[in-house]
Amino acid sequence: MRIDMLEGRSAQEKAKIADGRSAEVKQSFYARLCELLVQTVGLREQDLAVCLVENEREDWSFGNGQASYLTIPKDRWR
């Protein structure tokens, strides 16, 4: 996750996630992220822009030149 502070007053956040999360899960993420940034850095709620970028699980590699979600058993996904 990357958070860019703009002119010290607003933030843009871009998060990459695997496809398949419901609208309710995404809304919970937006709300919790906003809550944490308001509490920890004093950001105003209206000054946060969030963009989720979804992709397929086979698009992820966490090293060793492997498509991790294709080689790691599903019960070990985080």
Protein backbone atom coordinates (compact mmCIF):
# COMPACT_ATOMS: atom_id res chain seq x y z
CA MET A 1 0.00 0.00 0.00
CA ARG A 2 1.25 3.46 -0.82
CA ILE A 3 -0.01 6.67 0.71
CA ASP A 4 1.03 9.98 -0.82
CA MET A 5 0.55 13.10 1.28
CA LEU A 6 -0.25 16.10 -0.90
CA GLU A 7 0.76 19.53 0.38
CA GLY A 8 0.43 18.19 3.93
CA ARG A 9 -3.38 18.47 3.79
CA SER A 10 -4.69 15.58 1.74
CA ALA A 11 -3.71 12.02 0.93
CA GLN A 12 -4.04 9.73 -2.04
CA GLU A 13 -3.91 6.03 -1.32
CA LYS A 14 -3.48 3.29 -3.89
CA ALA A 15 -3.86 -0.34 -2.83
CA LYS A 16 -3.38 -3.40 -5.00
CA ILE A 17 -5.62 -6.33 -4.06
CA ALA A 18 -6.60 -9.67 -5.50
CA ASP A 19 -9.94 -9.69 -7.31
CA GLY A 20 -13.02 -11.03 -5.61
CA ARG A 21 -13.72 -8.88 -2.54
CA SER A 22 -17.30 -7.76 -2.02
CA ALA A 23 -18.46 -4.15 -2.00
CA GLU A 24 -19.08 -4.50 1.76
CA VAL A 25 -15.47 -5.58 2.41
CA LYS A 26 -14.17 -2.69 0.30
CA GLN A 27 -16.38 -0.21 2.17
CA SER A 28 -15.07 -1.55 5.49
CA PHE A 29 -11.51 -1.07 4.23
CA TYR A 30 -12.20 2.53 3.17
CA ALA A 31 -13.77 3.34 6.53
CA ARG A 32 -11.00 1.74 8.61
CA LEU A 33 -8.22 3.33 6.56
CA CYS A 34 -9.82 6.74 6.94
CA GLU A 35 -10.30 6.21 10.68
CA LEU A 36 -6.65 5.24 11.17
CA LEU A 37 -5.30 8.17 9.14
CA VAL A 38 -7.50 10.65 11.00
CA GLN A 39 -6.29 9.24 14.32
CA THR A 40 -2.59 8.83 13.52
CA VAL A 41 -1.71 11.76 11.27
CA GLY A 42 -4.61 14.12 11.80
CA LEU A 43 -5.89 13.88 8.24
CA ARG A 44 -9.37 15.31 7.67
CA GLU A 45 -11.83 12.64 6.53
CA GLN A 46 -12.75 14.57 3.39
CA ASP A 47 -9.09 14.79 2.33
CA LEU A 48 -8.54 11.08 1.60
CA ALA A 49 -8.82 9.65 -1.92
CA VAL A 50 -8.58 5.87 -2.30
CA CYS A 51 -8.13 3.79 -5.44
CA LEU A 52 -8.24 0.00 -5.30
CA VAL A 53 -6.51 -1.77 -8.17
CA GLU A 54 -7.74 -5.35 -8.54
CA ASN A 55 -5.98 -8.13 -10.35
CA GLU A 56 -6.06 -11.91 -10.48
CA ARG A 57 -4.22 -14.05 -7.94
CA GLU A 58 -1.91 -15.45 -10.63
CA ASP A 59 -0.62 -11.89 -11.14
CA TRP A 60 1.16 -11.97 -7.76
CA SER A 61 4.72 -13.14 -7.12
CA PHE A 62 6.31 -12.89 -3.69
CA GLY A 63 9.73 -14.06 -4.83
CA ASN A 64 11.59 -17.03 -6.25
CA GLY A 65 10.29 -16.31 -9.76
CA GLN A 66 6.98 -18.06 -9.03
CA ALA A 67 3.34 -17.07 -9.31
CA SER A 68 2.89 -17.48 -5.57
CA TYR A 69 -0.86 -18.12 -5.46
CA LEU A 70 -0.44 -20.86 -8.04
CA THR A 71 2.22 -22.65 -5.98
CA ILE A 72 1.17 -21.95 -2.38
CA PRO A 73 -1.70 -24.13 -1.09
CA LYS A 74 -4.92 -22.13 -0.76
CA ASP A 75 -5.13 -22.74 3.01
CA ARG A 76 -1.84 -20.80 3.43
CA TRP A 77 -2.97 -17.67 1.55
CA ARG A 78 -2.88 -14.52 3.65
